[in-house]
Amino acid sequence: MKNLIVIIVLVFLHTLPLWNFKENLAGGYGDPFTHATIGDWYCNNVLTGNFHYSGYLSPYGADVSGSYDSPFPFILTCPAVPAGPLFQFHLFTLLQIILIVFSAWLVAKTFLKSNSLQFCYILFVWWCGFYISRSHQHETLLSQIWGLQFVFYAVATLAPRNIKSVLISSFLIALALTGTFHNIATLLFIAITLTLFKLWQMRKDLVYVKTHLNLFLGLLLSALIFGSLWWPMIAFTLKNGAVDVSMQRQLFNLDLLSPLIPFESNLIYKWLEMNPILSYERYNSFDPIILSIMIISLFFKGFWRERVRIIIFILGLFYFTLSLGPELRIKNEIFSTFDFNAEFLNFFPFKVSRTPARFAAITNLSFVLLAFLFLEQYSANRYKKSIAFVLIVWIFVTGPVMNQMLFFPTIKYQSIIPMQGLESLKKLPADSIVVSIPSAWAQDPTENFNRLFHQKNISSAYLSYTAYSKSIREQFVADPFLGKMGCKDDVTAFYQNPLLGSFENLRAHLKERKLRGFIINKLILLGRPECQDLKNWTIEFLKNPWIKVTQENVNFVTAEIQ
């Protein structure tokens, strides 16, 4: 318990910036912008069954039952709805960190006898896992860390003849699978594999009727928890069909150099005067000490005598293989296709994921556990405190210090978004729609974030890839204006039809449909060659005397119809 108290103090200090949510946004530029808006619709729409949300993809609206991806622990923030979505998001982030250290503490208490090694294990799970999540700019992916720890603990403590043990294990595994829908892809298989192995180990207990009843009740509890939190997404998928993401996996697969490459904010890049080598989704650094200890442990007979370690090791290698995706890359360059892997990723539950690089987190964190099991077994008791001290210094220096993250990373969002322009848009009539240029479906998370401040319905939205259903695509493609506000190759790709070629006719069209406000994302419009035609048209559009530009900064232009 002393270890947990010290860790909680460290968590409090680490997360201090989260509480200044009127200036700071947890995470950084990218997906956190849209995660910060989940509270705007999850509690009042998804949980109540009112799935149609007119705030996004207006005037048609979005089915948000297919867009949320972290029912637990986000559901715990719903009592804080009156405090606003930003407060909810920061509370959600804090809960994620607390769950990480708590779950790691449970595993440490179960597998390790040395208090000093227990403390080290918690730190390594927290910080090794944290930088994996940061690699993908996803606060929801923090659930992958505590989810795996819950699986380890649930399986290790499972006693089939004890109903309390079975229910607790079932409860924890179910929660792990509801942390984010990516956990279904990453954790379901390892949870089933380890559980079946544990039951095989305790197969003598399976002869009792009570054991079968306990297991049935445990399975029922898991199904109830899983179903109660995921049923909207399940219903959405049954209604609209599963999205084929196989063609997108090559954009998000792991680079073979990734385990050896420091995180992108590491001071090493500054000292060597070089830029980060890999793109965000291809990072998944392995801690050098953990990887070294893991490799050394393979040369000891004790490793191969423990079947559970062998299984965890094999699973770690299996998940690393999955993370490579449909091709093999070195330093971002493709040197070979990986057809077998590509086909395997099309099987459930792995097919749920379009970002195979994230599978390597299971390998990374599994190796952390195996390394500490080796230290527990082979280091002499009199040396364990010294080993722990060295490990603590190492993980602190190579983690928060070298990665420049002593505190939870945040950004000053008011320096990025056009606050003055958003305030002006807020004064438009309540039934106004704010048009995003370019529409940039699932490319511009600031669309959702800006809406928190202007409080008008928006023509686009950054949603889960599952939410852009066939019916939504068809409605927008047929729209003579909103269906033409995308860049080349987008669903809503721009081309100058008769309406867009006549600004006076366009003005009447916009007024009739209450499309009164505009937010132009300059970073996308000016930064992508495929947006050239839309950029040229937008420049001419803003020159119209009936368009008033209310603010322009380096990132955005806001405008309104006069």
Protein backbone atom coordinates (compact mmCIF):
# COMPACT_ATOMS: atom_id res chain seq x y z
CA MET A 1 0.00 0.00 0.00
CA LYS A 2 2.93 2.33 0.69
CA ASN A 3 4.05 1.95 -2.91
CA LEU A 4 0.60 2.86 -4.17
CA ILE A 5 0.44 5.98 -1.99
CA VAL A 6 3.80 7.20 -3.29
CA ILE A 7 2.70 6.52 -6.87
CA ILE A 8 -0.57 8.43 -6.35
CA VAL A 9 1.44 11.44 -5.14
CA LEU A 10 3.56 11.20 -8.29
CA VAL A 11 0.39 11.00 -10.40
CA PHE A 12 -0.97 14.12 -8.70
CA LEU A 13 2.23 16.06 -9.41
CA HIS A 14 2.47 14.74 -12.96
CA THR A 15 -1.09 15.75 -13.84
CA LEU A 16 -1.15 19.26 -12.30
CA PRO A 17 -1.45 20.97 -15.74
CA LEU A 18 -4.72 19.13 -16.40
CA TRP A 19 -6.61 21.24 -13.91
CA ASN A 20 -6.06 24.48 -15.78
CA PHE A 21 -8.49 23.34 -18.46
CA LYS A 22 -9.47 26.91 -19.40
CA GLU A 23 -6.02 27.32 -20.96
CA ASN A 24 -4.57 23.82 -21.35
CA LEU A 25 -5.70 20.87 -23.44
CA ALA A 26 -4.48 17.43 -22.38
CA GLY A 27 -2.49 15.57 -24.99
CA GLY A 28 -1.58 17.98 -27.72
CA TYR A 29 -2.47 18.86 -31.28
CA GLY A 30 -4.28 16.09 -33.09
CA ASP A 31 -6.83 13.59 -31.82
CA PRO A 32 -7.05 15.13 -28.32
CA PHE A 33 -8.91 18.03 -29.95
CA THR A 34 -11.76 15.72 -30.82
CA HIS A 35 -11.54 13.54 -27.70
CA ALA A 36 -12.07 16.71 -25.69
CA THR A 37 -15.53 17.02 -27.24
CA ILE A 38 -16.86 13.53 -26.47
CA GLY A 39 -18.62 14.82 -23.38
CA ASP A 40 -20.63 17.12 -25.65
CA TRP A 41 -22.67 14.19 -26.92
CA TYR A 42 -21.73 10.87 -25.30
CA CYS A 43 -23.61 11.22 -22.02
CA ASN A 44 -26.68 13.01 -23.42
CA ASN A 45 -26.97 11.10 -26.69
CA VAL A 46 -25.28 7.71 -26.72
CA LEU A 47 -26.23 6.77 -23.16
CA THR A 48 -29.83 7.91 -23.63
CA GLY A 49 -30.26 6.14 -26.97
CA ASN A 50 -30.73 9.42 -28.87
CA PHE A 51 -28.07 8.56 -31.43
CA HIS A 52 -28.91 11.15 -34.07
CA TYR A 53 -26.79 14.22 -33.36
CA SER A 54 -27.48 17.30 -35.48
CA GLY A 55 -24.40 19.10 -34.19
CA TYR A 56 -22.12 17.21 -36.63
CA LEU A 57 -22.39 16.69 -40.41
CA SER A 58 -25.23 19.21 -40.43
CA PRO A 59 -27.81 19.58 -41.92
CA TYR A 60 -27.97 15.78 -42.20
CA GLY A 61 -26.64 14.90 -38.76
CA ALA A 62 -24.46 12.05 -37.54
CA ASP A 63 -25.23 8.76 -35.87
CA VAL A 64 -22.90 9.07 -32.88
CA SER A 65 -23.52 5.48 -31.79
CA GLY A 66 -20.76 4.62 -34.26
CA SER A 67 -18.29 7.26 -33.14
CA TYR A 68 -17.52 6.82 -29.44
CA ASP A 69 -14.58 4.58 -28.63
CA SER A 70 -13.99 4.60 -24.87
CA PRO A 71 -17.13 3.86 -22.85
CA PHE A 72 -15.08 3.05 -19.77
CA PRO A 73 -13.92 5.03 -17.93
CA PHE A 74 -15.59 7.91 -19.83
CA ILE A 75 -18.98 6.91 -18.45
CA LEU A 76 -17.66 7.82 -14.99
CA THR A 77 -17.37 11.46 -16.09
CA CYS A 78 -21.07 11.82 -16.95
CA PRO A 79 -22.05 13.25 -13.53
CA ALA A 80 -19.67 16.13 -14.43
CA VAL A 81 -21.61 17.10 -17.61
CA PRO A 82 -22.59 20.50 -16.12
CA ALA A 83 -18.88 21.35 -15.79
CA GLY A 84 -18.45 21.05 -19.56
CA PRO A 85 -16.70 18.73 -22.02
CA LEU A 86 -13.19 20.08 -21.37
CA PHE A 87 -13.47 19.32 -17.66
CA GLN A 88 -14.85 15.86 -18.48
CA PHE A 89 -11.98 15.13 -20.85
CA HIS A 90 -9.35 16.10 -18.31
CA LEU A 91 -11.13 14.07 -15.63
CA PHE A 92 -11.23 11.13 -18.05
CA THR A 93 -7.47 11.51 -18.66
CA LEU A 94 -6.76 11.55 -14.92
CA LEU A 95 -8.89 8.43 -14.45
CA GLN A 96 -6.87 6.70 -17.17
CA ILE A 97 -3.59 7.42 -15.37
CA ILE A 98 -5.04 6.29 -12.03
CA LEU A 99 -6.26 3.04 -13.61
CA ILE A 100 -2.79 2.45 -15.08
CA VAL A 101 -0.99 2.72 -11.77
CA PHE A 102 -3.72 0.84 -9.86
CA SER A 103 -3.79 -2.07 -12.31
CA ALA A 104 0.02 -2.22 -12.38
CA TRP A 105 -0.01 -2.27 -8.56
CA LEU A 106 -2.39 -5.25 -8.60
CA VAL A 107 -0.10 -7.15 -10.97
CA ALA A 108 3.02 -6.22 -9.00
CA LYS A 109 1.45 -7.41 -5.72
CA THR A 110 0.43 -10.67 -7.36
CA PHE A 111 3.65 -11.59 -9.18
CA LEU A 112 6.44 -9.89 -7.22
CA LYS A 113 7.40 -10.34 -3.57
CA SER A 114 10.01 -7.57 -3.40
CA ASN A 115 8.46 -4.21 -2.47
CA SER A 116 11.21 -2.35 -4.31
CA LEU A 117 10.64 -4.32 -7.52
CA GLN A 118 6.89 -3.81 -7.16
CA PHE A 119 7.43 -0.06 -7.09
CA CYS A 120 9.72 -0.24 -10.14
CA TYR A 121 7.24 -2.36 -12.06
CA ILE A 122 4.49 0.22 -11.59
CA LEU A 123 6.76 2.98 -12.88
CA PHE A 124 7.85 0.96 -15.90
CA VAL A 125 4.29 0.02 -16.86
CA TRP A 126 3.18 3.62 -16.42
CA TRP A 127 5.97 5.30 -18.35
CA CYS A 128 6.76 2.64 -20.95
CA GLY A 129 3.06 2.42 -21.71
CA PHE A 130 2.57 6.17 -21.60
CA TYR A 131 5.02 6.90 -24.40
CA ILE A 132 3.43 4.18 -26.51
CA SER A 133 0.13 6.01 -26.15
CA ARG A 134 1.80 9.35 -26.86
CA SER A 135 3.18 7.89 -30.08
CA HIS A 136 -0.38 7.65 -31.31
CA GLN A 137 -1.65 10.92 -29.79
CA HIS A 138 -4.55 9.02 -28.23
CA GLU A 139 -5.61 9.53 -24.63
CA THR A 140 -8.16 6.73 -25.14
CA LEU A 141 -5.27 4.34 -25.88
CA LEU A 142 -4.10 4.72 -22.30
CA SER A 143 -6.78 2.11 -21.61
CA GLN A 144 -4.70 -0.43 -23.52
CA ILE A 145 -2.11 -0.21 -20.72
CA TRP A 146 -4.41 -0.78 -17.75
CA GLY A 147 -6.52 -3.19 -19.80
CA LEU A 148 -3.60 -5.57 -20.28
CA GLN A 149 -2.69 -5.31 -16.59
CA PHE A 150 -6.27 -6.19 -15.66
CA VAL A 151 -6.05 -9.24 -17.95
CA PHE A 152 -2.79 -10.38 -16.33
CA TYR A 153 -4.22 -9.94 -12.84
CA ALA A 154 -7.60 -11.49 -13.64
CA VAL A 155 -6.06 -14.64 -15.11
CA ALA A 156 -3.39 -14.97 -12.39
CA THR A 157 -5.96 -14.80 -9.57
CA LEU A 158 -8.67 -16.87 -11.27
CA ALA A 159 -9.83 -19.76 -9.07
CA PRO A 160 -12.64 -21.57 -10.94
CA ARG A 161 -14.15 -23.15 -7.80
CA ASN A 162 -14.42 -19.76 -6.06
CA ILE A 163 -17.39 -17.75 -7.34
CA LYS A 164 -15.98 -14.48 -5.98
CA SER A 165 -12.70 -15.00 -7.82
CA VAL A 166 -14.48 -15.88 -11.06
CA LEU A 167 -16.77 -12.83 -10.91
CA ILE A 168 -13.90 -10.43 -10.13
CA SER A 169 -11.82 -11.81 -12.98
CA SER A 170 -14.76 -11.65 -15.37
CA PHE A 171 -15.53 -8.10 -14.29
CA LEU A 172 -11.95 -6.90 -14.86
CA ILE A 173 -11.62 -8.56 -18.28
CA ALA A 174 -14.92 -7.04 -19.38
CA LEU A 175 -13.76 -3.59 -18.29
CA ALA A 176 -10.50 -4.09 -20.18
CA LEU A 177 -12.46 -4.76 -23.37
CA THR A 178 -14.52 -1.57 -22.97
CA GLY A 179 -11.58 0.80 -22.52
CA THR A 180 -11.57 1.48 -26.27
CA PHE A 181 -12.82 -0.57 -29.19
CA HIS A 182 -9.17 -1.08 -30.16
CA ASN A 183 -8.90 -3.15 -26.97
CA ILE A 184 -11.24 -5.65 -28.57
CA ALA A 185 -8.64 -6.17 -31.29
CA THR A 186 -5.64 -6.23 -28.95
CA LEU A 187 -6.86 -7.79 -25.70
CA LEU A 188 -9.63 -10.27 -26.55
CA PHE A 189 -7.31 -12.87 -28.04
CA ILE A 190 -4.70 -12.68 -25.28
CA ALA A 191 -7.42 -12.76 -22.60
CA ILE A 192 -9.00 -15.88 -24.11
CA THR A 193 -5.63 -17.59 -24.62
CA LEU A 194 -4.38 -16.98 -21.08
CA THR A 195 -7.75 -17.91 -19.55
CA LEU A 196 -7.90 -21.20 -21.45
CA PHE A 197 -4.35 -21.99 -20.36
CA LYS A 198 -5.24 -21.24 -16.72
CA LEU A 199 -8.30 -23.50 -16.95
CA TRP A 200 -6.16 -26.25 -18.47
CA GLN A 201 -3.74 -25.89 -15.56
CA MET A 202 -6.66 -26.25 -13.14
CA ARG A 203 -8.50 -28.87 -15.18
CA LYS A 204 -9.00 -31.06 -12.10
CA ASP A 205 -11.47 -28.44 -10.85
CA LEU A 206 -13.49 -28.70 -14.06
CA VAL A 207 -15.03 -32.00 -12.97
CA TYR A 208 -17.21 -30.18 -10.43
CA VAL A 209 -20.65 -28.89 -11.40
CA LYS A 210 -20.06 -25.85 -9.20
CA THR A 211 -17.04 -24.91 -11.33
CA HIS A 212 -19.10 -24.99 -14.52
CA LEU A 213 -21.80 -22.88 -12.90
CA ASN A 214 -19.21 -20.36 -11.69
CA LEU A 215 -17.67 -20.09 -15.13
CA PHE A 216 -21.07 -19.67 -16.75
CA LEU A 217 -21.96 -16.87 -14.33
CA GLY A 218 -18.58 -15.24 -14.96
CA LEU A 219 -19.08 -15.41 -18.71
CA LEU A 220 -22.59 -14.00 -18.29
CA LEU A 221 -21.28 -11.10 -16.20
CA SER A 222 -18.62 -10.28 -18.80
CA ALA A 223 -21.22 -10.40 -21.56
CA LEU A 224 -23.58 -8.12 -19.63
CA ILE A 225 -20.89 -5.51 -18.96
CA PHE A 226 -19.53 -5.70 -22.49
CA GLY A 227 -22.99 -5.58 -24.05
CA SER A 228 -24.31 -2.78 -21.85
CA LEU A 229 -21.40 -0.50 -22.78
CA TRP A 230 -20.95 -1.51 -26.43
CA TRP A 231 -24.51 -2.22 -27.58
CA PRO A 232 -24.89 1.12 -29.42
CA MET A 233 -21.73 0.40 -31.45
CA ILE A 234 -22.86 -3.18 -32.07
CA ALA A 235 -26.27 -1.96 -33.28
CA PHE A 236 -24.62 0.64 -35.52
CA THR A 237 -22.36 -2.00 -37.08
CA LEU A 238 -25.25 -4.41 -37.67
CA LYS A 239 -27.24 -1.61 -39.28
CA ASN A 240 -24.52 -0.09 -41.48
CA GLY A 241 -22.12 -2.96 -41.88
CA ALA A 242 -18.49 -3.16 -40.78
CA VAL A 243 -16.11 -0.73 -42.44
CA ASP A 244 -13.41 -2.35 -44.57
CA VAL A 245 -10.16 -0.90 -43.21
CA SER A 246 -7.73 -3.33 -44.84
CA MET A 247 -6.49 -0.75 -47.35
CA GLN A 248 -5.65 1.72 -44.56
CA ARG A 249 -3.40 -0.54 -42.50
CA GLN A 250 -0.30 0.27 -44.54
CA LEU A 251 -0.60 3.86 -43.29
CA PHE A 252 -0.33 2.82 -39.65
CA ASN A 253 1.94 -0.21 -39.44
CA LEU A 254 5.07 -0.51 -37.33
CA ASP A 255 8.53 0.21 -38.65
CA LEU A 256 11.07 -2.53 -37.87
CA LEU A 257 13.40 0.08 -36.40
CA SER A 258 10.68 1.31 -34.06
CA PRO A 259 11.66 -0.69 -30.94
CA LEU A 260 15.11 0.93 -31.04
CA ILE A 261 14.09 4.49 -31.96
CA PRO A 262 13.60 7.08 -29.15
CA PHE A 263 10.29 8.89 -28.80
CA GLU A 264 10.00 11.94 -31.05
CA SER A 265 10.39 14.52 -28.24
CA ASN A 266 13.53 12.85 -26.88
CA LEU A 267 16.46 15.16 -26.18
CA ILE A 268 18.74 12.89 -28.21
CA TYR A 269 17.36 14.46 -31.39
CA LYS A 270 18.21 17.93 -30.10
CA TRP A 271 21.70 16.93 -29.04
CA LEU A 272 22.44 15.25 -32.38
CA GLU A 273 20.72 18.09 -34.29
CA MET A 274 18.49 15.71 -36.20
CA ASN A 275 14.78 15.31 -36.83
CA PRO A 276 12.70 12.36 -35.58
CA ILE A 277 13.12 9.43 -37.92
CA LEU A 278 9.60 7.94 -37.95
CA SER A 279 6.08 9.29 -38.21
CA TYR A 280 3.70 9.19 -35.23
CA GLU A 281 1.91 5.90 -35.77
CA ARG A 282 5.09 3.98 -36.54
CA TYR A 283 6.71 4.63 -33.15
CA ASN A 284 6.68 2.05 -30.38
CA SER A 285 9.97 2.31 -28.48
CA PHE A 286 11.07 -0.57 -26.28
CA ASP A 287 12.97 0.31 -23.13
CA PRO A 288 16.61 -0.82 -23.70
CA ILE A 289 17.04 -2.25 -20.21
CA ILE A 290 13.76 -4.16 -20.37
CA LEU A 291 14.62 -5.53 -23.80
CA SER A 292 18.11 -6.54 -22.61
CA ILE A 293 16.82 -8.29 -19.48
CA MET A 294 14.16 -10.02 -21.56
CA ILE A 295 16.75 -11.38 -23.99
CA ILE A 296 19.11 -12.45 -21.17
CA SER A 297 16.27 -14.30 -19.42
CA LEU A 298 15.86 -16.55 -22.47
CA PHE A 299 19.23 -18.14 -21.69
CA PHE A 300 18.12 -19.32 -18.25
CA LYS A 301 16.44 -22.70 -17.79
CA GLY A 302 14.02 -21.20 -15.29
CA PHE A 303 12.34 -19.25 -18.07
CA TRP A 304 11.56 -22.36 -20.10
CA ARG A 305 10.25 -24.25 -17.07
CA GLU A 306 7.45 -21.72 -16.55
CA ARG A 307 4.83 -22.43 -19.20
CA VAL A 308 2.91 -19.23 -18.55
CA ARG A 309 6.05 -17.20 -19.28
CA ILE A 310 6.57 -19.10 -22.51
CA ILE A 311 2.99 -18.39 -23.56
CA ILE A 312 3.27 -14.68 -22.72
CA PHE A 313 6.55 -14.54 -24.65
CA ILE A 314 5.03 -16.26 -27.69
CA LEU A 315 2.01 -13.97 -27.53
CA GLY A 316 4.36 -10.99 -27.37
CA LEU A 317 6.12 -12.14 -30.54
CA PHE A 318 2.77 -12.85 -32.18
CA TYR A 319 1.48 -9.34 -31.47
CA PHE A 320 4.74 -7.80 -32.67
CA THR A 321 4.30 -9.69 -35.94
CA LEU A 322 0.74 -8.37 -36.25
CA SER A 323 1.99 -4.82 -35.65
CA LEU A 324 4.11 -4.97 -38.82
CA GLY A 325 0.92 -4.92 -40.85
CA PRO A 326 0.67 -5.81 -44.54
CA GLU A 327 4.27 -4.87 -45.38
CA LEU A 328 7.71 -4.66 -43.86
CA ARG A 329 9.24 -1.20 -43.44
CA ILE A 330 12.65 0.05 -42.41
CA LYS A 331 13.01 3.78 -41.82
CA ASN A 332 9.58 4.33 -43.38
CA GLU A 333 10.59 2.61 -46.63
CA ILE A 334 8.83 -0.56 -47.79
CA PHE A 335 11.25 -3.37 -48.58
CA SER A 336 8.82 -6.28 -48.73
CA THR A 337 5.15 -7.11 -48.66
CA PHE A 338 3.84 -9.30 -45.83
CA ASP A 339 0.87 -11.02 -47.44
CA PHE A 340 0.39 -13.67 -44.76
CA ASN A 341 0.14 -11.00 -42.08
CA ALA A 342 -2.21 -8.95 -44.23
CA GLU A 343 -4.58 -11.90 -44.48
CA PHE A 344 -4.33 -12.75 -40.78
CA LEU A 345 -5.31 -9.18 -39.85
CA ASN A 346 -8.60 -9.74 -41.65
CA PHE A 347 -9.69 -12.27 -39.02
CA PHE A 348 -11.72 -11.24 -35.96
CA PRO A 349 -10.87 -9.73 -33.53
CA PHE A 350 -7.77 -8.29 -35.24
CA LYS A 351 -9.81 -6.95 -38.16
CA VAL A 352 -11.38 -4.37 -35.82
CA SER A 353 -8.12 -2.42 -35.99
CA ARG A 354 -6.94 -0.31 -38.89
CA THR A 355 -3.76 0.70 -36.98
CA PRO A 356 -1.66 -2.46 -36.58
CA ALA A 357 1.31 -0.59 -35.04
CA ARG A 358 -0.65 -0.40 -31.79
CA PHE A 359 -0.45 -4.18 -31.38
CA ALA A 360 3.21 -3.76 -30.42
CA ALA A 361 2.09 -2.23 -27.12
CA ILE A 362 1.12 -5.75 -26.02
CA THR A 363 4.63 -6.96 -26.86
CA ASN A 364 6.23 -4.04 -25.08
CA LEU A 365 4.25 -4.38 -21.85
CA SER A 366 4.43 -8.19 -21.87
CA PHE A 367 8.21 -7.93 -21.97
CA VAL A 368 8.09 -5.56 -18.99
CA LEU A 369 6.29 -8.23 -16.95
CA LEU A 370 8.64 -11.00 -18.10
CA ALA A 371 11.71 -8.91 -17.29
CA PHE A 372 10.52 -8.24 -13.75
CA LEU A 373 9.62 -11.90 -13.22
CA PHE A 374 13.21 -12.72 -14.15
CA LEU A 375 14.59 -10.11 -11.72
CA GLU A 376 12.32 -11.43 -8.98
CA GLN A 377 13.52 -15.00 -9.54
CA TYR A 378 17.23 -14.56 -10.09
CA SER A 379 18.36 -11.44 -8.23
CA ALA A 380 19.50 -12.05 -4.67
CA ASN A 381 17.32 -10.46 -2.00
CA ARG A 382 20.18 -8.31 -0.71
CA TYR A 383 20.64 -6.79 -4.17
CA LYS A 384 17.00 -6.14 -5.05
CA LYS A 385 16.88 -2.71 -3.45
CA SER A 386 20.04 -1.69 -5.29
CA ILE A 387 18.66 -3.02 -8.57
CA ALA A 388 15.41 -1.17 -7.94
CA PHE A 389 17.29 2.08 -7.26
CA VAL A 390 19.19 1.78 -10.55
CA LEU A 391 15.97 1.01 -12.43
CA ILE A 392 14.13 3.96 -10.86
CA VAL A 393 16.90 6.37 -11.84
CA TRP A 394 17.00 4.85 -15.32
CA ILE A 395 13.26 5.05 -16.03
CA PHE A 396 13.01 8.56 -14.58
CA VAL A 397 15.90 9.89 -16.66
CA THR A 398 15.07 8.06 -19.90
CA GLY A 399 11.34 8.63 -19.46
CA PRO A 400 10.06 11.99 -18.17
CA VAL A 401 13.45 13.77 -18.31
CA MET A 402 14.75 12.70 -21.72
CA ASN A 403 11.28 12.82 -23.29
CA GLN A 404 10.68 16.27 -21.74
CA MET A 405 7.45 15.21 -20.04
CA LEU A 406 7.91 15.71 -16.32
CA PHE A 407 4.31 16.89 -16.41
CA PHE A 408 1.43 15.51 -18.43
CA PRO A 409 1.76 17.13 -21.88
CA THR A 410 -0.71 19.87 -22.68
CA ILE A 411 -0.99 22.68 -25.22
CA LYS A 412 -2.21 26.27 -24.86
CA TYR A 413 -5.17 25.82 -27.18
CA GLN A 414 -6.18 29.49 -27.21
CA SER A 415 -2.98 30.28 -29.11
CA ILE A 416 -4.06 27.87 -31.87
CA ILE A 417 -7.76 28.31 -32.45
CA PRO A 418 -9.36 31.64 -33.54
CA MET A 419 -11.05 32.60 -30.27
CA GLN A 420 -12.21 36.02 -31.51
CA GLY A 421 -13.71 34.57 -34.67
CA LEU A 422 -15.41 31.78 -32.75
CA GLU A 423 -16.96 34.31 -30.41
CA SER A 424 -18.34 36.16 -33.44
CA LEU A 425 -19.77 32.92 -34.89
CA LYS A 426 -21.43 32.29 -31.54
CA LYS A 427 -23.51 35.46 -32.06
CA LEU A 428 -25.06 34.14 -35.28
CA PRO A 429 -28.71 32.98 -35.10
CA ALA A 430 -29.08 29.72 -33.18
CA ASP A 431 -30.12 27.72 -36.28
CA SER A 432 -26.99 28.71 -38.22
CA ILE A 433 -24.64 26.10 -39.66
CA VAL A 434 -20.88 26.69 -39.70
CA VAL A 435 -19.20 25.31 -42.83
CA SER A 436 -15.76 23.72 -42.63
CA ILE A 437 -13.44 24.37 -45.57
CA PRO A 438 -12.09 21.89 -46.46
CA SER A 439 -14.63 19.39 -45.17
CA ALA A 440 -11.69 17.11 -44.22
CA TRP A 441 -13.65 14.19 -42.79
CA ALA A 442 -11.60 12.47 -40.07
CA GLN A 443 -8.66 14.75 -40.90
CA ASP A 444 -9.33 17.94 -38.91
CA PRO A 445 -10.09 17.33 -35.21
CA THR A 446 -10.29 21.08 -34.56
CA GLU A 447 -13.69 21.10 -36.30
CA ASN A 448 -15.26 19.45 -33.24
CA PHE A 449 -13.16 21.46 -30.80
CA ASN A 450 -14.03 24.84 -32.33
CA ARG A 451 -17.69 23.95 -31.97
CA LEU A 452 -17.35 23.96 -28.18
CA PHE A 453 -16.82 27.71 -28.40
CA HIS A 454 -19.11 28.87 -31.23
CA GLN A 455 -21.86 26.37 -30.26
CA LYS A 456 -23.36 26.07 -33.74
CA ASN A 457 -23.98 22.99 -35.83
CA ILE A 458 -21.10 22.19 -38.18
CA SER A 459 -21.16 20.84 -41.73
CA SER A 460 -18.30 18.42 -41.12
CA ALA A 461 -16.86 16.54 -38.14
CA TYR A 462 -13.93 14.47 -37.01
CA LEU A 463 -15.52 11.13 -36.11
CA SER A 464 -14.48 7.51 -35.82
CA TYR A 465 -13.91 5.97 -39.24
CA THR A 466 -16.90 3.72 -38.54
CA ALA A 467 -19.29 6.72 -38.37
CA TYR A 468 -19.08 7.77 -42.03
CA SER A 469 -21.76 5.34 -43.15
CA LYS A 470 -22.86 4.71 -46.71
CA SER A 471 -26.02 6.80 -46.24
CA ILE A 472 -24.00 9.78 -44.94
CA ARG A 473 -21.61 9.58 -47.88
CA GLU A 474 -24.48 9.42 -50.36
CA GLN A 475 -26.22 12.45 -48.86
CA PHE A 476 -23.10 14.59 -49.00
CA VAL A 477 -22.02 13.50 -52.47
CA ALA A 478 -25.42 14.64 -53.75
CA ASP A 479 -25.15 18.03 -52.03
CA PRO A 480 -24.25 20.74 -54.61
CA PHE A 481 -22.24 22.79 -52.07
CA LEU A 482 -21.24 20.76 -49.00
CA GLY A 483 -20.49 17.76 -51.20
CA LYS A 484 -17.84 19.78 -53.08
CA MET A 485 -15.85 21.27 -50.16
CA GLY A 486 -13.20 18.56 -49.94
CA CYS A 487 -9.76 18.15 -51.47
CA LYS A 488 -8.92 15.90 -54.39
CA ASP A 489 -9.66 12.20 -53.77
CA ASP A 490 -11.87 13.00 -50.73
CA VAL A 491 -15.47 11.77 -50.69
CA THR A 492 -16.51 15.42 -50.95
CA ALA A 493 -13.85 16.32 -53.55
CA PHE A 494 -14.11 19.83 -54.99
CA TYR A 495 -15.18 20.58 -58.52
CA GLN A 496 -16.67 23.82 -59.79
CA ASN A 497 -20.27 23.02 -60.67
CA PRO A 498 -22.68 25.77 -61.86
CA LEU A 499 -23.58 26.70 -58.28
CA LEU A 500 -19.97 27.26 -57.22
CA GLY A 501 -19.31 29.17 -60.44
CA SER A 502 -21.93 31.82 -59.67
CA PHE A 503 -21.31 33.62 -56.37
CA GLU A 504 -24.66 35.43 -56.43
CA ASN A 505 -26.57 32.17 -56.84
CA LEU A 506 -24.35 30.67 -54.17
CA ARG A 507 -25.18 33.49 -51.76
CA ALA A 508 -28.91 32.80 -52.11
CA HIS A 509 -28.28 29.08 -51.67
CA LEU A 510 -26.25 29.58 -48.50
CA LYS A 511 -28.84 31.91 -46.96
CA GLU A 512 -31.69 29.55 -47.79
CA ARG A 513 -29.90 26.64 -46.11
CA LYS A 514 -28.72 28.77 -43.15
CA LEU A 515 -25.05 28.15 -43.95
CA ARG A 516 -24.01 31.46 -42.38
CA GLY A 517 -20.56 30.84 -40.92
CA PHE A 518 -17.25 29.52 -42.28
CA ILE A 519 -14.03 28.21 -40.74
CA ILE A 520 -11.15 27.73 -43.17
CA ASN A 521 -8.31 25.51 -42.00
CA LYS A 522 -5.24 27.10 -43.57
CA LEU A 523 -2.91 24.31 -42.45
CA ILE A 524 -4.78 21.79 -44.59
CA LEU A 525 -5.80 24.08 -47.44
CA LEU A 526 -2.33 25.55 -47.97
CA GLY A 527 -0.28 22.56 -46.90
CA ARG A 528 -1.65 19.87 -49.22
CA PRO A 529 -1.12 19.93 -53.01
CA GLU A 530 -4.37 18.04 -53.54
CA CYS A 531 -6.26 21.03 -52.07
CA GLN A 532 -4.99 23.47 -54.74
CA ASP A 533 -8.27 23.83 -56.67
CA LEU A 534 -10.33 24.27 -53.51
CA LYS A 535 -7.78 26.79 -52.18
CA ASN A 536 -8.03 28.93 -55.34
CA TRP A 537 -11.83 28.89 -55.18
CA THR A 538 -11.85 29.75 -51.45
CA ILE A 539 -9.58 32.77 -52.00
CA GLU A 540 -12.05 34.13 -54.58
CA PHE A 541 -15.01 33.26 -52.36
CA LEU A 542 -13.63 35.32 -49.45
CA LYS A 543 -13.26 38.37 -51.74
CA ASN A 544 -17.04 38.70 -52.12
CA PRO A 545 -18.40 41.91 -50.54
CA TRP A 546 -21.09 39.92 -48.76
CA ILE A 547 -18.49 37.85 -46.90
CA LYS A 548 -17.00 39.33 -43.74
CA VAL A 549 -13.72 37.89 -42.45
CA THR A 550 -13.87 38.12 -38.66
CA GLN A 551 -10.42 36.74 -37.80
CA GLU A 552 -7.35 35.28 -39.43
CA ASN A 553 -4.39 33.70 -37.66
CA VAL A 554 -1.68 31.34 -38.84
CA ASN A 555 -4.05 28.36 -38.62
CA PHE A 556 -7.56 29.55 -39.45
CA VAL A 557 -9.79 32.10 -41.14
CA THR A 558 -13.29 32.67 -39.78
CA ALA A 559 -15.92 34.39 -41.91
CA GLU A 560 -19.65 35.10 -42.01
CA ILE A 561 -22.33 36.03 -44.54
CA GLN A 562 -23.45 39.65 -44.19
